[in-house]
Amino acid sequence: MAEDRLKIVVFGSFNAGKSSFIQALDPRSRHIEASSEEGPTTVALDFGRLKVNGRAVYLFGTPGQERFEFVRQILSRGMDGAIIIVDATKGVDTMTRHLHAQLKALDVPLAFMANKCDCPDAMPDAICRDLPGEMVFPISTLNRENVHAALETFVEKLPIR
């Protein structure tokens, strides 16, 4: 994207809070979902936009189920940064490890958002231990705790092209 615009793609397991993350940042965001046995699920993408430190940030949320790998690959093209949302009540799962490996191979700037830290059984410290050396931000998309601050910190670390 252009120098003053950033494309950030949001990844994560099913029900980790990707859509909620984008909606917490941009209440006017767009969301395409369908019903499933486990509840509503993103089937195409989420899209939100906002300004962070004078830069236009475009957020693209991906579906979390394995069968939507092709959507994640399409949305990843041209990204300036990636965020992986992790459900802090469940920890780092197989999908999170898969996404982490893929994004590391692409050498894209990456941050983890440990979501649901408002829940009593949240384990953000375990996520930090499981992902040594990675940026991990404890957040709650439900009450919007630390969501904007975490994104701002990540955007500040992205290189200006």
C-alpha atoms as a PDB file:
ATOM      1  CA  MET A   1       0.000   0.000   0.000  1.00  0.00           C
ATOM      2  CA  ALA A   2       0.988   3.658  -0.146  1.00  0.00           C
ATOM      3  CA  GLU A   3       3.371   5.133   2.431  1.00  0.00           C
ATOM      4  CA  ASP A   4       0.623   6.646   4.588  1.00  0.00           C
ATOM      5  CA  ARG A   5      -1.611   3.541   4.342  1.00  0.00           C
ATOM      6  CA  LEU A   6      -1.185   0.173   6.013  1.00  0.00           C
ATOM      7  CA  LYS A   7      -2.803  -3.145   5.239  1.00  0.00           C
ATOM      8  CA  ILE A   8      -2.935  -5.284   8.373  1.00  0.00           C
ATOM      9  CA  VAL A   9      -4.412  -8.764   8.165  1.00  0.00           C
ATOM     10  CA  VAL A  10      -5.971 -10.308  11.270  1.00  0.00           C
ATOM     11  CA  PHE A  11      -5.658 -14.074  11.696  1.00  0.00           C
ATOM     12  CA  GLY A  12      -6.631 -16.537  14.404  1.00  0.00           C
ATOM     13  CA  SER A  13      -8.484 -19.692  15.310  1.00  0.00           C
ATOM     14  CA  PHE A  14     -12.250 -20.057  15.138  1.00  0.00           C
ATOM     15  CA  ASN A  15     -13.941 -17.938  17.822  1.00  0.00           C
ATOM     16  CA  ALA A  16     -10.711 -16.281  19.009  1.00  0.00           C
ATOM     17  CA  GLY A  17     -12.223 -12.815  18.509  1.00  0.00           C
ATOM     18  CA  LYS A  18     -10.989 -11.596  15.123  1.00  0.00           C
ATOM     19  CA  SER A  19     -14.288  -9.969  14.136  1.00  0.00           C
ATOM     20  CA  SER A  20     -14.752  -8.514  17.619  1.00  0.00           C
ATOM     21  CA  PHE A  21     -11.228  -7.065  17.470  1.00  0.00           C
ATOM     22  CA  ILE A  22     -11.950  -5.237  14.223  1.00  0.00           C
ATOM     23  CA  GLN A  23     -15.383  -4.094  15.450  1.00  0.00           C
ATOM     24  CA  ALA A  24     -13.819  -2.754  18.672  1.00  0.00           C
ATOM     25  CA  LEU A  25     -11.440  -0.647  16.570  1.00  0.00           C
ATOM     26  CA  ASP A  26     -13.987   0.401  13.927  1.00  0.00           C
ATOM     27  CA  PRO A  27     -17.645   0.201  14.952  1.00  0.00           C
ATOM     28  CA  ARG A  28     -18.628   0.795  11.294  1.00  0.00           C
ATOM     29  CA  SER A  29     -16.612  -2.204  10.086  1.00  0.00           C
ATOM     30  CA  ARG A  30     -18.054  -4.693   7.610  1.00  0.00           C
ATOM     31  CA  HIS A  31     -18.522  -8.358   8.409  1.00  0.00           C
ATOM     32  CA  ILE A  32     -19.627 -11.294   6.249  1.00  0.00           C
ATOM     33  CA  GLU A  33     -20.773 -14.259   8.312  1.00  0.00           C
ATOM     34  CA  ALA A  34     -22.926 -17.368   8.197  1.00  0.00           C
ATOM     35  CA  SER A  35     -24.415 -19.623  10.837  1.00  0.00           C
ATOM     36  CA  SER A  36     -22.639 -22.808  11.816  1.00  0.00           C
ATOM     37  CA  GLU A  37     -23.153 -25.493  14.430  1.00  0.00           C
ATOM     38  CA  GLU A  38     -20.715 -23.657  16.720  1.00  0.00           C
ATOM     39  CA  GLY A  39     -22.397 -20.284  16.161  1.00  0.00           C
ATOM     40  CA  PRO A  40     -21.836 -17.433  13.696  1.00  0.00           C
ATOM     41  CA  THR A  41     -18.610 -17.596  11.711  1.00  0.00           C
ATOM     42  CA  THR A  42     -16.821 -15.354   9.238  1.00  0.00           C
ATOM     43  CA  VAL A  43     -17.000 -16.874   5.764  1.00  0.00           C
ATOM     44  CA  ALA A  44     -15.313 -14.237   3.648  1.00  0.00           C
ATOM     45  CA  LEU A  45     -13.707 -11.370   5.519  1.00  0.00           C
ATOM     46  CA  ASP A  46     -14.083  -8.530   7.974  1.00  0.00           C
ATOM     47  CA  PHE A  47     -13.033  -5.049   6.931  1.00  0.00           C
ATOM     48  CA  GLY A  48     -12.360  -2.038   9.099  1.00  0.00           C
ATOM     49  CA  ARG A  49     -10.438   1.177   8.789  1.00  0.00           C
ATOM     50  CA  LEU A  50      -9.144   3.805  11.140  1.00  0.00           C
ATOM     51  CA  LYS A  51      -6.361   6.340  11.592  1.00  0.00           C
ATOM     52  CA  VAL A  52      -3.430   5.490  13.846  1.00  0.00           C
ATOM     53  CA  ASN A  53      -0.814   8.179  14.409  1.00  0.00           C
ATOM     54  CA  GLY A  54      -1.799   9.886  11.163  1.00  0.00           C
ATOM     55  CA  ARG A  55      -1.610   6.703   9.097  1.00  0.00           C
ATOM     56  CA  ALA A  56      -4.652   5.109   7.479  1.00  0.00           C
ATOM     57  CA  VAL A  57      -4.910   1.520   8.701  1.00  0.00           C
ATOM     58  CA  TYR A  58      -6.995  -0.993   6.763  1.00  0.00           C
ATOM     59  CA  LEU A  59      -7.824  -4.140   8.734  1.00  0.00           C
ATOM     60  CA  PHE A  60      -8.756  -7.351   6.950  1.00  0.00           C
ATOM     61  CA  GLY A  61     -10.083 -10.150   9.155  1.00  0.00           C
ATOM     62  CA  THR A  62      -9.790 -13.726   7.933  1.00  0.00           C
ATOM     63  CA  PRO A  63     -11.972 -16.768   8.652  1.00  0.00           C
ATOM     64  CA  GLY A  64     -10.573 -19.102  11.317  1.00  0.00           C
ATOM     65  CA  GLN A  65     -11.549 -22.499   9.976  1.00  0.00           C
ATOM     66  CA  GLU A  66      -8.969 -24.590   8.164  1.00  0.00           C
ATOM     67  CA  ARG A  67     -11.135 -24.895   5.037  1.00  0.00           C
ATOM     68  CA  PHE A  68     -10.758 -21.154   4.382  1.00  0.00           C
ATOM     69  CA  GLU A  69      -6.986 -21.307   3.810  1.00  0.00           C
ATOM     70  CA  PHE A  70      -7.477 -19.969   0.280  1.00  0.00           C
ATOM     71  CA  VAL A  71      -9.182 -16.829   1.665  1.00  0.00           C
ATOM     72  CA  ARG A  72      -6.285 -16.241   4.063  1.00  0.00           C
ATOM     73  CA  GLN A  73      -3.815 -16.566   1.181  1.00  0.00           C
ATOM     74  CA  ILE A  74      -5.718 -14.066  -0.956  1.00  0.00           C
ATOM     75  CA  LEU A  75      -6.087 -11.515   1.846  1.00  0.00           C
ATOM     76  CA  SER A  76      -2.401 -11.862   2.777  1.00  0.00           C
ATOM     77  CA  ARG A  77      -1.183 -10.449  -0.512  1.00  0.00           C
ATOM     78  CA  GLY A  78       0.477  -7.087  -0.031  1.00  0.00           C
ATOM     79  CA  MET A  79       0.052  -6.958   3.732  1.00  0.00           C
ATOM     80  CA  ASP A  80       2.249  -4.616   5.731  1.00  0.00           C
ATOM     81  CA  GLY A  81       1.703  -6.440   9.004  1.00  0.00           C
ATOM     82  CA  ALA A  82      -0.153  -9.357  10.559  1.00  0.00           C
ATOM     83  CA  ILE A  83      -1.965  -9.847  13.835  1.00  0.00           C
ATOM     84  CA  ILE A  84      -2.858 -13.234  15.273  1.00  0.00           C
ATOM     85  CA  ILE A  85      -5.687 -13.189  17.806  1.00  0.00           C
ATOM     86  CA  VAL A  86      -5.319 -15.898  20.463  1.00  0.00           C
ATOM     87  CA  ASP A  87      -8.102 -16.911  22.839  1.00  0.00           C
ATOM     88  CA  ALA A  88      -6.360 -16.422  26.203  1.00  0.00           C
ATOM     89  CA  THR A  89      -8.743 -18.893  27.851  1.00  0.00           C
ATOM     90  CA  LYS A  90      -7.543 -21.671  25.530  1.00  0.00           C
ATOM     91  CA  GLY A  91      -3.933 -20.745  24.818  1.00  0.00           C
ATOM     92  CA  VAL A  92      -1.815 -21.395  21.747  1.00  0.00           C
ATOM     93  CA  ASP A  93      -3.524 -24.099  19.686  1.00  0.00           C
ATOM     94  CA  THR A  94      -2.617 -25.983  16.514  1.00  0.00           C
ATOM     95  CA  MET A  95      -4.143 -23.354  14.192  1.00  0.00           C
ATOM     96  CA  THR A  96      -2.227 -20.573  15.933  1.00  0.00           C
ATOM     97  CA  ARG A  97       1.036 -22.492  15.517  1.00  0.00           C
ATOM     98  CA  HIS A  98       0.224 -23.114  11.837  1.00  0.00           C
ATOM     99  CA  LEU A  99      -0.506 -19.413  11.227  1.00  0.00           C
ATOM    100  CA  HIS A 100       2.619 -18.390  13.147  1.00  0.00           C
ATOM    101  CA  ALA A 101       4.823 -20.655  10.997  1.00  0.00           C
ATOM    102  CA  GLN A 102       3.269 -19.392   7.759  1.00  0.00           C
ATOM    103  CA  LEU A 103       3.654 -15.740   8.684  1.00  0.00           C
ATOM    104  CA  LYS A 104       7.214 -16.211   9.923  1.00  0.00           C
ATOM    105  CA  ALA A 105       8.070 -17.762   6.547  1.00  0.00           C
ATOM    106  CA  LEU A 106       6.694 -14.629   4.847  1.00  0.00           C
ATOM    107  CA  ASP A 107       8.891 -12.445   7.097  1.00  0.00           C
ATOM    108  CA  VAL A 108       6.010 -10.070   7.788  1.00  0.00           C
ATOM    109  CA  PRO A 109       5.887  -7.936  10.967  1.00  0.00           C
ATOM    110  CA  LEU A 110       3.733  -9.830  13.435  1.00  0.00           C
ATOM    111  CA  ALA A 111       1.957  -9.274  16.744  1.00  0.00           C
ATOM    112  CA  PHE A 112      -0.229 -11.487  18.915  1.00  0.00           C
ATOM    113  CA  MET A 113      -3.317 -10.251  20.738  1.00  0.00           C
ATOM    114  CA  ALA A 114      -4.181 -12.410  23.749  1.00  0.00           C
ATOM    115  CA  ASN A 115      -7.942 -11.843  23.728  1.00  0.00           C
ATOM    116  CA  LYS A 116     -10.563 -12.512  26.409  1.00  0.00           C
ATOM    117  CA  CYS A 117      -8.279 -11.316  29.214  1.00  0.00           C
ATOM    118  CA  ASP A 118     -11.422 -10.131  30.999  1.00  0.00           C
ATOM    119  CA  CYS A 119     -12.309 -13.805  31.675  1.00  0.00           C
ATOM    120  CA  PRO A 120     -11.214 -15.315  35.005  1.00  0.00           C
ATOM    121  CA  ASP A 121      -9.578 -18.319  33.299  1.00  0.00           C
ATOM    122  CA  ALA A 122      -7.483 -16.211  30.880  1.00  0.00           C
ATOM    123  CA  MET A 123      -3.787 -17.172  30.695  1.00  0.00           C
ATOM    124  CA  PRO A 124      -1.951 -14.386  28.837  1.00  0.00           C
ATOM    125  CA  ASP A 125       1.332 -15.283  30.585  1.00  0.00           C
ATOM    126  CA  ALA A 126       1.126 -18.832  29.176  1.00  0.00           C
ATOM    127  CA  ILE A 127       0.760 -17.374  25.679  1.00  0.00           C
ATOM    128  CA  CYS A 128       3.891 -15.267  26.223  1.00  0.00           C
ATOM    129  CA  ARG A 129       5.781 -18.376  27.369  1.00  0.00           C
ATOM    130  CA  ASP A 130       4.558 -20.384  24.347  1.00  0.00           C
ATOM    131  CA  LEU A 131       5.606 -17.622  21.931  1.00  0.00           C
ATOM    132  CA  PRO A 132       9.016 -16.478  23.201  1.00  0.00           C
ATOM    133  CA  GLY A 133      10.371 -13.355  21.573  1.00  0.00           C
ATOM    134  CA  GLU A 134       7.015 -12.370  20.050  1.00  0.00           C
ATOM    135  CA  MET A 135       4.985  -9.236  20.731  1.00  0.00           C
ATOM    136  CA  VAL A 136       1.998 -10.364  22.828  1.00  0.00           C
ATOM    137  CA  PHE A 137      -0.603  -7.849  23.986  1.00  0.00           C
ATOM    138  CA  PRO A 138      -3.260  -8.762  26.571  1.00  0.00           C
ATOM    139  CA  ILE A 139      -6.621  -7.388  25.383  1.00  0.00           C
ATOM    140  CA  SER A 140     -10.357  -7.767  25.754  1.00  0.00           C
ATOM    141  CA  THR A 141     -12.417  -7.080  22.663  1.00  0.00           C
ATOM    142  CA  LEU A 142     -15.584  -7.414  24.733  1.00  0.00           C
ATOM    143  CA  ASN A 143     -14.840  -4.349  26.860  1.00  0.00           C
ATOM    144  CA  ARG A 144     -12.308  -2.885  24.390  1.00  0.00           C
ATOM    145  CA  GLU A 145      -9.571  -2.995  27.034  1.00  0.00           C
ATOM    146  CA  ASN A 146      -6.113  -2.261  25.574  1.00  0.00           C
ATOM    147  CA  VAL A 147      -7.350  -2.807  21.989  1.00  0.00           C
ATOM    148  CA  HIS A 148      -6.463   0.640  20.640  1.00  0.00           C
ATOM    149  CA  ALA A 149      -3.227   0.870  22.626  1.00  0.00           C
ATOM    150  CA  ALA A 150      -2.080  -2.549  21.371  1.00  0.00           C
ATOM    151  CA  LEU A 151      -2.757  -1.649  17.735  1.00  0.00           C
ATOM    152  CA  GLU A 152      -1.052   1.737  18.127  1.00  0.00           C
ATOM    153  CA  THR A 153       2.065   0.105  19.596  1.00  0.00           C
ATOM    154  CA  PHE A 154       2.174  -2.431  16.752  1.00  0.00           C
ATOM    155  CA  VAL A 155       1.687   0.234  14.059  1.00  0.00           C
ATOM    156  CA  GLU A 156       4.518   2.324  15.556  1.00  0.00           C
ATOM    157  CA  LYS A 157       6.852  -0.658  15.051  1.00  0.00           C
ATOM    158  CA  LEU A 158       5.944  -1.102  11.370  1.00  0.00           C
ATOM    159  CA  PRO A 159       8.511   0.242   8.923  1.00  0.00           C
ATOM    160  CA  ILE A 160       7.598   3.282   6.874  1.00  0.00           C
ATOM    161  CA  ARG A 161       8.050   2.564   3.205  1.00  0.00           C
END
